[in-house]
Amino acid sequence: MKKMWMPALLLLLGACSSLDVNNHADYNNQTPVSAFIHTDKPIVAVGPEPVQVHVLRNGEPYKIQEDIKLTLSSSEKGMIETTSVEPQEDSTPETLIEFPEDGLYRLHADIPVKEHNLQVTKRIGVGNLTPSEQQMLNANQHSTPAGGHH
């Protein structure tokens, strides 16, 4: 039993000596990146609808280097479609999404940012909603925006 204490102690001390004391300060100095999904109102299920993904740092547009992955889903149909949106050199990333029929949908964006992955979800009502779908949509609009460090 005593023979196991020495290797465990050496391993613990070795791990502690490799910690970077500046790591915490560097993390605190990073300005968070935020994002939101924008759709035009009202959305109909007749054809493709424009969807924009705004990524901001300090309220200013933040340039994304990699593709943004958008996933459309609903509680009735599950995952419907995944689309990649290429970063735009001088404008907000935008794509067209086709909503299959009237109803309540979730559009989830997975945004690769240098420091972390940012994930944002927007609940979208399409066409004529049932009273329960309208109630769920209204309840969700009062919640806090999704996103943050992941």
N, C-alpha and C. Protein backbone atom coordinates (compact mmCIF):
# COMPACT_ATOMS: atom_id res chain seq x y z
N MET A 1 0.82 -1.18 0.00
CA MET A 1 0.00 0.00 0.00
C MET A 1 0.87 1.25 0.00
N LYS A 2 1.96 1.23 0.79
CA LYS A 2 2.84 2.39 0.86
C LYS A 2 3.54 2.64 -0.47
N LYS A 3 3.76 1.58 -1.25
CA LYS A 3 4.43 1.73 -2.54
C LYS A 3 3.58 2.52 -3.53
N MET A 4 2.28 2.53 -3.38
CA MET A 4 1.39 3.24 -4.29
C MET A 4 1.33 4.73 -4.00
N TRP A 5 1.64 5.17 -2.78
CA TRP A 5 1.57 6.58 -2.42
C TRP A 5 2.61 7.40 -3.16
N MET A 6 3.81 6.87 -3.30
CA MET A 6 4.89 7.65 -3.93
C MET A 6 4.60 7.94 -5.41
N PRO A 7 4.22 6.97 -6.25
CA PRO A 7 3.91 7.29 -7.64
C PRO A 7 2.70 8.23 -7.76
N ALA A 8 1.70 8.06 -6.89
CA ALA A 8 0.53 8.93 -6.94
C ALA A 8 0.91 10.36 -6.58
N LEU A 9 1.78 10.53 -5.60
CA LEU A 9 2.22 11.86 -5.19
C LEU A 9 3.05 12.52 -6.30
N LEU A 10 3.93 11.76 -6.94
CA LEU A 10 4.73 12.31 -8.04
C LEU A 10 3.85 12.70 -9.23
N LEU A 11 2.86 11.91 -9.52
CA LEU A 11 1.93 12.22 -10.60
C LEU A 11 1.15 13.50 -10.30
N LEU A 12 0.67 13.65 -9.10
CA LEU A 12 -0.07 14.83 -8.68
C LEU A 12 0.81 16.08 -8.75
N LEU A 13 2.03 16.00 -8.25
CA LEU A 13 2.93 17.15 -8.29
C LEU A 13 3.31 17.51 -9.72
N GLY A 14 3.48 16.53 -10.56
CA GLY A 14 3.81 16.78 -11.96
C GLY A 14 2.67 17.48 -12.68
N ALA A 15 1.45 17.10 -12.40
CA ALA A 15 0.28 17.73 -13.03
C ALA A 15 0.13 19.17 -12.56
N CYS A 16 0.38 19.43 -11.28
CA CYS A 16 0.26 20.78 -10.76
C CYS A 16 1.32 21.71 -11.34
N SER A 17 2.49 21.21 -11.58
CA SER A 17 3.55 22.07 -12.09
C SER A 17 3.33 22.45 -13.55
N SER A 18 2.45 21.75 -14.28
CA SER A 18 2.23 22.06 -15.68
C SER A 18 1.08 23.05 -15.88
N LEU A 19 0.43 23.52 -14.81
CA LEU A 19 -0.65 24.48 -14.94
C LEU A 19 -0.12 25.84 -15.33
N ASP A 20 -0.82 26.53 -16.20
CA ASP A 20 -0.44 27.87 -16.64
C ASP A 20 -1.18 28.88 -15.77
N VAL A 21 -0.46 29.66 -14.98
CA VAL A 21 -1.09 30.62 -14.08
C VAL A 21 -1.74 31.76 -14.84
N ASN A 22 -1.35 32.01 -16.09
CA ASN A 22 -1.93 33.09 -16.88
C ASN A 22 -3.22 32.66 -17.59
N ASN A 23 -3.53 31.38 -17.58
CA ASN A 23 -4.69 30.87 -18.30
C ASN A 23 -5.98 31.53 -17.83
N HIS A 24 -6.16 31.66 -16.53
CA HIS A 24 -7.39 32.25 -15.98
C HIS A 24 -7.50 33.71 -16.39
N ALA A 25 -6.42 34.45 -16.34
CA ALA A 25 -6.44 35.87 -16.73
C ALA A 25 -6.76 36.01 -18.21
N ASP A 26 -6.18 35.14 -19.06
CA ASP A 26 -6.46 35.21 -20.50
C ASP A 26 -7.93 34.95 -20.78
N TYR A 27 -8.52 33.98 -20.09
CA TYR A 27 -9.94 33.65 -20.30
C TYR A 27 -10.83 34.83 -19.90
N ASN A 28 -10.52 35.47 -18.79
CA ASN A 28 -11.34 36.60 -18.33
C ASN A 28 -11.21 37.82 -19.23
N ASN A 29 -10.14 37.94 -19.99
CA ASN A 29 -9.95 39.09 -20.87
C ASN A 29 -10.65 38.92 -22.22
N GLN A 30 -11.19 37.77 -22.53
CA GLN A 30 -11.88 37.55 -23.80
C GLN A 30 -13.28 38.14 -23.74
N THR A 31 -13.64 38.88 -24.76
CA THR A 31 -14.99 39.43 -24.86
C THR A 31 -15.90 38.36 -25.43
N PRO A 32 -17.04 38.09 -24.78
CA PRO A 32 -17.92 37.03 -25.28
C PRO A 32 -18.53 37.38 -26.63
N VAL A 33 -18.76 36.35 -27.40
CA VAL A 33 -19.41 36.46 -28.70
C VAL A 33 -20.86 36.01 -28.51
N SER A 34 -21.78 36.74 -29.11
CA SER A 34 -23.20 36.38 -29.02
C SER A 34 -23.75 36.20 -30.43
N ALA A 35 -24.90 35.57 -30.52
CA ALA A 35 -25.50 35.32 -31.83
C ALA A 35 -27.01 35.27 -31.70
N PHE A 36 -27.67 35.57 -32.81
CA PHE A 36 -29.11 35.38 -32.88
C PHE A 36 -29.49 35.05 -34.32
N ILE A 37 -30.62 34.35 -34.44
CA ILE A 37 -31.15 33.95 -35.75
C ILE A 37 -32.26 34.92 -36.10
N HIS A 38 -32.22 35.46 -37.31
CA HIS A 38 -33.24 36.41 -37.76
C HIS A 38 -34.03 35.82 -38.93
N THR A 39 -35.35 35.88 -38.82
CA THR A 39 -36.24 35.48 -39.91
C THR A 39 -37.22 36.62 -40.16
N ASP A 40 -37.65 36.77 -41.40
CA ASP A 40 -38.65 37.78 -41.71
C ASP A 40 -40.01 37.29 -41.23
N LYS A 41 -40.87 38.21 -40.86
CA LYS A 41 -42.21 37.87 -40.41
C LYS A 41 -43.20 38.29 -41.47
N PRO A 42 -44.30 37.64 -41.64
CA PRO A 42 -44.61 36.28 -41.21
C PRO A 42 -44.00 35.24 -42.16
N ILE A 43 -43.74 34.07 -41.64
CA ILE A 43 -43.17 32.98 -42.43
C ILE A 43 -44.30 32.09 -42.91
N VAL A 44 -44.21 31.69 -44.17
CA VAL A 44 -45.22 30.79 -44.75
C VAL A 44 -44.54 29.54 -45.27
N ALA A 45 -45.31 28.47 -45.41
CA ALA A 45 -44.76 27.18 -45.83
C ALA A 45 -44.85 26.98 -47.34
N VAL A 46 -44.94 28.05 -48.10
CA VAL A 46 -45.11 27.93 -49.55
C VAL A 46 -43.77 27.74 -50.26
N GLY A 47 -42.74 28.40 -49.82
CA GLY A 47 -41.44 28.31 -50.49
C GLY A 47 -40.32 28.60 -49.52
N PRO A 48 -39.11 28.66 -50.05
CA PRO A 48 -37.95 28.92 -49.18
C PRO A 48 -38.02 30.31 -48.55
N GLU A 49 -37.65 30.39 -47.28
CA GLU A 49 -37.66 31.64 -46.52
C GLU A 49 -36.23 32.01 -46.15
N PRO A 50 -35.87 33.32 -46.24
CA PRO A 50 -34.52 33.75 -45.87
C PRO A 50 -34.30 33.68 -44.35
N VAL A 51 -33.13 33.18 -43.97
CA VAL A 51 -32.75 33.09 -42.57
C VAL A 51 -31.33 33.65 -42.46
N GLN A 52 -31.14 34.57 -41.52
CA GLN A 52 -29.82 35.16 -41.27
C GLN A 52 -29.33 34.76 -39.89
N VAL A 53 -28.02 34.57 -39.77
CA VAL A 53 -27.39 34.30 -38.49
C VAL A 53 -26.46 35.47 -38.19
N HIS A 54 -26.82 36.26 -37.19
CA HIS A 54 -26.01 37.42 -36.79
C HIS A 54 -25.09 37.00 -35.64
N VAL A 55 -23.79 37.21 -35.82
CA VAL A 55 -22.81 36.89 -34.79
C VAL A 55 -22.13 38.21 -34.42
N LEU A 56 -22.14 38.53 -33.12
CA LEU A 56 -21.67 39.83 -32.65
C LEU A 56 -20.65 39.70 -31.53
N ARG A 57 -19.74 40.65 -31.48
CA ARG A 57 -18.83 40.82 -30.34
C ARG A 57 -18.87 42.31 -30.02
N ASN A 58 -19.24 42.63 -28.79
CA ASN A 58 -19.41 44.03 -28.37
C ASN A 58 -20.40 44.77 -29.26
N GLY A 59 -21.43 44.10 -29.73
CA GLY A 59 -22.45 44.72 -30.56
C GLY A 59 -22.06 44.94 -32.01
N GLU A 60 -20.86 44.56 -32.38
CA GLU A 60 -20.38 44.73 -33.75
C GLU A 60 -20.33 43.37 -34.44
N PRO A 61 -20.54 43.32 -35.77
CA PRO A 61 -20.45 42.04 -36.48
C PRO A 61 -19.10 41.37 -36.26
N TYR A 62 -19.15 40.07 -36.02
CA TYR A 62 -17.94 39.27 -35.78
C TYR A 62 -17.80 38.28 -36.92
N LYS A 63 -16.65 38.27 -37.56
CA LYS A 63 -16.42 37.43 -38.73
C LYS A 63 -16.20 35.97 -38.31
N ILE A 64 -16.96 35.08 -38.92
CA ILE A 64 -16.85 33.64 -38.70
C ILE A 64 -15.96 33.06 -39.79
N GLN A 65 -15.07 32.15 -39.42
CA GLN A 65 -14.13 31.56 -40.37
C GLN A 65 -14.63 30.26 -40.99
N GLU A 66 -15.51 29.55 -40.28
CA GLU A 66 -15.97 28.23 -40.73
C GLU A 66 -17.48 28.25 -40.98
N ASP A 67 -17.99 27.19 -41.62
CA ASP A 67 -19.41 27.08 -41.91
C ASP A 67 -20.23 27.00 -40.62
N ILE A 68 -21.41 27.61 -40.66
CA ILE A 68 -22.39 27.51 -39.58
C ILE A 68 -23.35 26.39 -39.96
N LYS A 69 -23.66 25.52 -39.00
CA LYS A 69 -24.58 24.42 -39.25
C LYS A 69 -25.95 24.79 -38.69
N LEU A 70 -26.97 24.80 -39.56
CA LEU A 70 -28.35 25.06 -39.15
C LEU A 70 -29.15 23.77 -39.21
N THR A 71 -29.88 23.46 -38.15
CA THR A 71 -30.70 22.25 -38.10
C THR A 71 -32.15 22.66 -37.84
N LEU A 72 -33.04 22.27 -38.75
CA LEU A 72 -34.47 22.53 -38.61
C LEU A 72 -35.12 21.27 -38.05
N SER A 73 -35.97 21.45 -37.03
CA SER A 73 -36.67 20.31 -36.44
C SER A 73 -38.02 20.75 -35.91
N SER A 74 -38.85 19.77 -35.61
CA SER A 74 -40.14 20.03 -34.96
C SER A 74 -40.42 18.88 -34.02
N SER A 75 -41.31 19.11 -33.06
CA SER A 75 -41.62 18.03 -32.12
C SER A 75 -42.37 16.90 -32.80
N GLU A 76 -43.14 17.18 -33.86
CA GLU A 76 -43.88 16.13 -34.56
C GLU A 76 -42.99 15.32 -35.51
N LYS A 77 -42.09 15.99 -36.22
CA LYS A 77 -41.30 15.32 -37.26
C LYS A 77 -39.86 15.02 -36.84
N GLY A 78 -39.42 15.51 -35.69
CA GLY A 78 -38.02 15.35 -35.29
C GLY A 78 -37.13 16.21 -36.17
N MET A 79 -35.91 15.73 -36.45
CA MET A 79 -35.01 16.49 -37.29
C MET A 79 -35.49 16.44 -38.74
N ILE A 80 -35.58 17.60 -39.37
CA ILE A 80 -36.09 17.69 -40.73
C ILE A 80 -34.96 17.89 -41.73
N GLU A 81 -34.06 18.83 -41.43
CA GLU A 81 -33.01 19.18 -42.39
C GLU A 81 -31.84 19.84 -41.67
N THR A 82 -30.64 19.56 -42.16
CA THR A 82 -29.44 20.25 -41.70
C THR A 82 -28.79 20.92 -42.90
N THR A 83 -28.46 22.18 -42.74
CA THR A 83 -27.88 22.98 -43.80
C THR A 83 -26.60 23.63 -43.31
N SER A 84 -25.59 23.73 -44.17
CA SER A 84 -24.38 24.47 -43.84
C SER A 84 -24.45 25.84 -44.50
N VAL A 85 -24.10 26.86 -43.74
CA VAL A 85 -24.08 28.23 -44.23
C VAL A 85 -22.64 28.70 -44.24
N GLU A 86 -22.15 29.06 -45.41
CA GLU A 86 -20.77 29.52 -45.53
C GLU A 86 -20.63 30.92 -44.96
N PRO A 87 -19.47 31.21 -44.35
CA PRO A 87 -19.24 32.57 -43.86
C PRO A 87 -19.20 33.55 -45.03
N GLN A 88 -19.69 34.75 -44.81
CA GLN A 88 -19.70 35.78 -45.84
C GLN A 88 -18.59 36.79 -45.55
N GLU A 89 -17.88 37.18 -46.56
CA GLU A 89 -16.75 38.11 -46.40
C GLU A 89 -17.21 39.48 -45.90
N ASP A 90 -18.29 40.00 -46.47
CA ASP A 90 -18.68 41.37 -46.15
C ASP A 90 -20.15 41.51 -45.75
N SER A 91 -20.79 40.42 -45.37
CA SER A 91 -22.20 40.52 -44.96
C SER A 91 -22.54 39.43 -43.96
N THR A 92 -23.77 39.47 -43.47
CA THR A 92 -24.26 38.50 -42.51
C THR A 92 -24.55 37.18 -43.22
N PRO A 93 -24.11 36.04 -42.65
CA PRO A 93 -24.42 34.75 -43.27
C PRO A 93 -25.93 34.56 -43.42
N GLU A 94 -26.36 34.16 -44.61
CA GLU A 94 -27.78 33.98 -44.89
C GLU A 94 -27.97 32.75 -45.76
N THR A 95 -29.12 32.09 -45.57
CA THR A 95 -29.49 30.94 -46.39
C THR A 95 -31.00 30.92 -46.54
N LEU A 96 -31.49 30.02 -47.35
CA LEU A 96 -32.93 29.84 -47.52
C LEU A 96 -33.32 28.51 -46.89
N ILE A 97 -34.36 28.53 -46.07
CA ILE A 97 -34.87 27.32 -45.41
C ILE A 97 -36.31 27.11 -45.88
N GLU A 98 -36.64 25.87 -46.23
CA GLU A 98 -38.00 25.55 -46.64
C GLU A 98 -38.71 24.84 -45.49
N PHE A 99 -39.78 25.42 -45.02
CA PHE A 99 -40.60 24.85 -43.96
C PHE A 99 -41.68 23.99 -44.62
N PRO A 100 -41.77 22.69 -44.29
CA PRO A 100 -42.64 21.78 -45.01
C PRO A 100 -44.14 22.10 -44.92
N GLU A 101 -44.59 22.60 -43.77
CA GLU A 101 -46.02 22.89 -43.59
C GLU A 101 -46.19 23.84 -42.42
N ASP A 102 -47.41 24.32 -42.23
CA ASP A 102 -47.69 25.19 -41.09
C ASP A 102 -47.39 24.44 -39.80
N GLY A 103 -46.92 25.17 -38.80
CA GLY A 103 -46.64 24.56 -37.51
C GLY A 103 -45.54 25.28 -36.77
N LEU A 104 -45.10 24.68 -35.70
CA LEU A 104 -44.08 25.23 -34.82
C LEU A 104 -42.77 24.48 -35.06
N TYR A 105 -41.68 25.21 -35.30
CA TYR A 105 -40.38 24.62 -35.62
C TYR A 105 -39.30 25.19 -34.70
N ARG A 106 -38.19 24.45 -34.61
CA ARG A 106 -36.98 24.92 -33.94
C ARG A 106 -35.87 24.99 -34.98
N LEU A 107 -35.17 26.11 -35.00
CA LEU A 107 -34.02 26.27 -35.87
C LEU A 107 -32.81 26.45 -34.97
N HIS A 108 -31.89 25.50 -35.02
CA HIS A 108 -30.71 25.47 -34.15
C HIS A 108 -29.47 25.80 -34.97
N ALA A 109 -28.68 26.76 -34.52
CA ALA A 109 -27.43 27.13 -35.19
C ALA A 109 -26.25 26.70 -34.32
N ASP A 110 -25.32 25.99 -34.93
CA ASP A 110 -24.07 25.61 -34.28
C ASP A 110 -22.97 26.43 -34.96
N ILE A 111 -22.40 27.39 -34.23
CA ILE A 111 -21.51 28.38 -34.80
C ILE A 111 -20.10 28.18 -34.26
N PRO A 112 -19.16 27.79 -35.12
CA PRO A 112 -17.78 27.62 -34.64
C PRO A 112 -17.09 28.98 -34.50
N VAL A 113 -16.74 29.31 -33.27
CA VAL A 113 -16.03 30.55 -32.97
C VAL A 113 -14.66 30.15 -32.45
N LYS A 114 -13.68 30.98 -32.69
CA LYS A 114 -12.29 30.64 -32.35
C LYS A 114 -12.14 30.12 -30.92
N GLU A 115 -12.75 30.78 -29.97
CA GLU A 115 -12.57 30.42 -28.57
C GLU A 115 -13.46 29.26 -28.11
N HIS A 116 -14.59 29.05 -28.79
CA HIS A 116 -15.56 28.05 -28.35
C HIS A 116 -16.61 27.83 -29.43
N ASN A 117 -17.52 26.92 -29.20
CA ASN A 117 -18.67 26.73 -30.09
C ASN A 117 -19.86 27.46 -29.48
N LEU A 118 -20.54 28.22 -30.29
CA LEU A 118 -21.70 28.97 -29.85
C LEU A 118 -22.94 28.29 -30.42
N GLN A 119 -23.95 28.06 -29.59
CA GLN A 119 -25.17 27.40 -30.03
C GLN A 119 -26.37 28.27 -29.69
N VAL A 120 -27.22 28.49 -30.69
CA VAL A 120 -28.41 29.33 -30.52
C VAL A 120 -29.59 28.60 -31.14
N THR A 121 -30.74 28.66 -30.49
CA THR A 121 -31.95 28.04 -31.01
C THR A 121 -33.07 29.08 -31.05
N LYS A 122 -33.81 29.09 -32.15
CA LYS A 122 -34.96 29.98 -32.29
C LYS A 122 -36.20 29.15 -32.57
N ARG A 123 -37.27 29.43 -31.87
CA ARG A 123 -38.56 28.78 -32.13
C ARG A 123 -39.30 29.65 -33.14
N ILE A 124 -39.83 29.02 -34.19
CA ILE A 124 -40.44 29.75 -35.29
C ILE A 124 -41.84 29.21 -35.57
N GLY A 125 -42.80 30.11 -35.65
CA GLY A 125 -44.15 29.75 -36.03
C GLY A 125 -44.34 29.99 -37.52
N VAL A 126 -44.85 29.00 -38.22
CA VAL A 126 -45.04 29.08 -39.67
C VAL A 126 -46.52 28.96 -40.00
N GLY A 127 -47.02 29.95 -40.75
CA GLY A 127 -48.41 29.90 -41.23
C GLY A 127 -49.41 30.01 -40.11
N ASN A 128 -50.52 29.29 -40.26
CA ASN A 128 -51.60 29.29 -39.28
C ASN A 128 -51.29 28.30 -38.17
N LEU A 129 -51.16 28.81 -36.95
CA LEU A 129 -50.84 27.96 -35.81
C LEU A 129 -52.10 27.61 -35.03
N THR A 130 -52.09 26.44 -34.41
CA THR A 130 -53.18 26.06 -33.51
C THR A 130 -53.06 26.93 -32.25
N PRO A 131 -54.12 27.04 -31.46
CA PRO A 131 -54.02 27.84 -30.22
C PRO A 131 -52.92 27.34 -29.29
N SER A 132 -52.71 26.04 -29.19
CA SER A 132 -51.65 25.53 -28.30
C SER A 132 -50.27 25.86 -28.87
N GLU A 133 -50.09 25.79 -30.19
CA GLU A 133 -48.81 26.17 -30.80
C GLU A 133 -48.54 27.66 -30.59
N GLN A 134 -49.58 28.49 -30.74
CA GLN A 134 -49.43 29.93 -30.54
C GLN A 134 -49.05 30.23 -29.08
N GLN A 135 -49.65 29.51 -28.14
CA GLN A 135 -49.34 29.69 -26.73
C GLN A 135 -47.89 29.30 -26.44
N MET A 136 -47.42 28.18 -27.02
CA MET A 136 -46.03 27.76 -26.82
C MET A 136 -45.07 28.77 -27.43
N LEU A 137 -45.39 29.31 -28.59
CA LEU A 137 -44.54 30.29 -29.25
C LEU A 137 -44.46 31.57 -28.42
N ASN A 138 -45.59 32.05 -27.91
CA ASN A 138 -45.61 33.25 -27.08
C ASN A 138 -44.85 33.06 -25.77
N ALA A 139 -44.98 31.88 -25.16
CA ALA A 139 -44.27 31.61 -23.91
C ALA A 139 -42.77 31.60 -24.13
N ASN A 140 -42.34 31.09 -25.27
CA ASN A 140 -40.91 31.01 -25.56
C ASN A 140 -40.31 32.38 -25.85
N GLN A 141 -41.09 33.31 -26.36
CA GLN A 141 -40.57 34.62 -26.69
C GLN A 141 -40.20 35.43 -25.45
N HIS A 142 -40.68 35.03 -24.29
CA HIS A 142 -40.35 35.74 -23.06
C HIS A 142 -39.15 35.15 -22.34
N SER A 143 -38.56 34.09 -22.88
CA SER A 143 -37.41 33.47 -22.24
C SER A 143 -36.14 34.21 -22.64
N THR A 144 -35.06 33.95 -21.93
CA THR A 144 -33.80 34.60 -22.23
C THR A 144 -33.17 33.97 -23.46
N PRO A 145 -32.38 34.73 -24.22
CA PRO A 145 -31.77 34.19 -25.44
C PRO A 145 -30.77 33.10 -25.11
N ALA A 146 -30.68 32.12 -26.02
CA ALA A 146 -29.74 31.01 -25.85
C ALA A 146 -28.38 31.43 -26.36
N GLY A 147 -27.35 30.76 -25.90
CA GLY A 147 -25.99 31.03 -26.38
C GLY A 147 -25.05 31.08 -25.21
N GLY A 148 -23.78 31.20 -25.50
CA GLY A 148 -22.78 31.29 -24.46
C GLY A 148 -21.61 30.39 -24.73
N HIS A 149 -20.80 30.22 -23.73
CA HIS A 149 -19.61 29.39 -23.87
C HIS A 149 -19.96 27.92 -23.76
N HIS A 150 -19.46 27.13 -24.70
CA HIS A 150 -19.69 25.68 -24.68
C HIS A 150 -18.38 24.99 -24.92
